[in-house]
Amino acid sequence: QVQFVESGGGLVQPGGSLRLSCAGGMATLASMGWYRQAPGKQREYVASIDSGITTTYSTAVQGRFTISRDTAKSTLYLEMNSLEFDDTAVYFCNNFPPRDNAWGRGTRVTVSA
């Protein structure tokens, strides 16, 4: 059973940036994704990357967030720029599509003035 470990969250002002990391036993060829759950809402898809360099984003973060992976380090990243209040959430990584038994605890991102 693989559980991923997310890190890098924190408190940031609107317009600021953060970089999230995800470590865990991700298979080299596995597609990976970032997801988030805002207070009082269901978890939602944010971005995904395949085994190569093909990336996809939700319309909410397109143009502001960048997903990437370092295969040698078995690490997934999410570079978040121009953060907005609505980006406040707990962010999770998982396979894409996600596996039920692989959710970690997430890392909290709070965008506040």
Protein backbone atom coordinates (compact mmCIF):
# COMPACT_ATOMS: atom_id res chain seq x y z
CA GLN A 1 0.00 0.00 0.00
CA VAL A 2 1.48 3.32 -1.10
CA GLN A 3 0.64 6.52 0.65
CA PHE A 4 1.99 9.76 -0.61
CA VAL A 5 3.37 12.51 1.62
CA GLU A 6 2.69 16.10 0.68
CA SER A 7 4.62 19.12 1.92
CA GLY A 8 5.22 22.79 1.19
CA GLY A 9 1.92 24.32 2.17
CA GLY A 10 1.58 27.43 4.26
CA LEU A 11 0.08 30.87 4.62
CA VAL A 12 0.51 33.20 1.67
CA GLN A 13 -0.94 36.54 0.60
CA PRO A 14 -3.03 36.89 -2.56
CA GLY A 15 -0.75 37.08 -5.56
CA GLY A 16 1.94 35.07 -3.82
CA SER A 17 3.55 31.76 -4.72
CA LEU A 18 4.18 28.37 -3.16
CA ARG A 19 5.71 25.13 -4.33
CA LEU A 20 4.25 21.89 -3.11
CA SER A 21 6.10 18.59 -3.11
CA CYS A 22 4.85 15.03 -3.00
CA ALA A 23 7.02 12.05 -2.11
CA GLY A 24 6.19 8.39 -2.07
CA GLY A 25 6.59 5.24 -4.03
CA MET A 26 5.29 6.57 -7.29
CA ALA A 27 5.99 4.30 -10.20
CA THR A 28 8.08 5.87 -12.94
CA LEU A 29 5.44 5.35 -15.59
CA ALA A 30 2.43 6.19 -13.46
CA SER A 31 0.38 9.25 -14.22
CA MET A 32 0.18 11.48 -11.18
CA GLY A 33 -2.16 14.22 -10.07
CA TRP A 34 -2.74 16.99 -7.59
CA TYR A 35 -6.11 17.42 -5.95
CA ARG A 36 -7.48 19.81 -3.36
CA GLN A 37 -10.29 20.06 -0.87
CA ALA A 38 -11.50 23.47 0.20
CA PRO A 39 -13.35 23.94 3.49
CA GLY A 40 -16.89 22.60 3.20
CA LYS A 41 -16.37 21.31 -0.34
CA GLN A 42 -15.60 18.01 -2.01
CA ARG A 43 -12.12 17.14 -3.14
CA GLU A 44 -11.47 18.28 -6.70
CA TYR A 45 -8.95 17.70 -9.44
CA VAL A 46 -6.23 20.33 -9.91
CA ALA A 47 -3.65 19.01 -12.37
CA SER A 48 -2.08 15.85 -13.72
CA ILE A 49 1.03 14.71 -15.53
CA ASP A 50 1.70 11.50 -17.42
CA SER A 51 4.92 9.52 -17.47
CA GLY A 52 6.42 12.00 -19.87
CA ILE A 53 5.76 15.72 -19.99
CA THR A 54 2.11 15.93 -20.92
CA THR A 55 0.23 18.02 -18.38
CA THR A 56 -3.41 18.90 -17.88
CA TYR A 57 -4.99 21.50 -15.60
CA SER A 58 -8.39 22.41 -14.27
CA THR A 59 -9.75 25.65 -15.66
CA ALA A 60 -9.50 27.17 -12.16
CA VAL A 61 -5.70 26.95 -12.12
CA GLN A 62 -4.79 26.94 -15.82
CA GLY A 63 -2.04 29.46 -16.46
CA ARG A 64 -1.18 29.91 -12.77
CA PHE A 65 -0.10 26.45 -11.60
CA THR A 66 2.54 24.14 -13.04
CA ILE A 67 2.80 20.44 -12.32
CA SER A 68 6.10 18.65 -12.80
CA ARG A 69 7.90 15.54 -11.67
CA ASP A 70 11.45 14.48 -10.95
CA THR A 71 11.51 10.81 -11.81
CA ALA A 72 14.97 10.24 -10.36
CA LYS A 73 13.81 11.60 -7.00
CA SER A 74 10.37 10.01 -7.26
CA THR A 75 8.90 13.42 -6.42
CA LEU A 76 5.96 15.35 -7.78
CA TYR A 77 5.73 19.15 -7.63
CA LEU A 78 3.08 21.80 -7.95
CA GLU A 79 4.31 25.33 -8.55
CA MET A 80 1.52 27.74 -7.64
CA ASN A 81 1.68 31.38 -8.70
CA SER A 82 -0.76 34.28 -8.53
CA LEU A 83 -2.55 32.59 -5.66
CA GLU A 84 -6.13 33.63 -5.00
CA PHE A 85 -8.41 33.35 -1.98
CA ASP A 86 -10.26 30.47 -3.69
CA ASP A 87 -7.03 28.45 -3.79
CA THR A 88 -7.27 27.96 -0.02
CA ALA A 89 -7.53 24.21 0.51
CA VAL A 90 -5.76 21.09 1.62
CA TYR A 91 -3.76 19.81 -1.35
CA PHE A 92 -3.20 16.11 -2.01
CA CYS A 93 -1.26 14.12 -4.53
CA ASN A 94 -2.23 10.71 -5.81
CA ASN A 95 -2.12 8.67 -8.94
CA PHE A 96 -4.21 9.87 -11.86
CA PRO A 97 -6.86 8.62 -11.70
CA PRO A 98 -6.54 8.46 -7.91
CA ARG A 99 -6.34 5.26 -5.88
CA ASP A 100 -8.56 5.13 -2.81
CA ASN A 101 -5.90 3.61 -0.57
CA ALA A 102 -3.16 6.06 -1.51
CA TRP A 103 -4.46 9.34 -0.11
CA GLY A 104 -2.03 11.02 2.27
CA ARG A 105 -2.78 13.69 4.84
CA GLY A 106 -2.30 16.54 2.42
CA THR A 107 -0.67 19.92 2.94
CA ARG A 108 -2.70 23.00 3.82
CA VAL A 109 -2.53 26.14 1.72
CA THR A 110 -4.13 29.26 3.10
CA VAL A 111 -4.38 32.40 1.00
CA SER A 112 -5.14 35.34 3.20
CA ALA A 113 -4.38 39.04 3.39
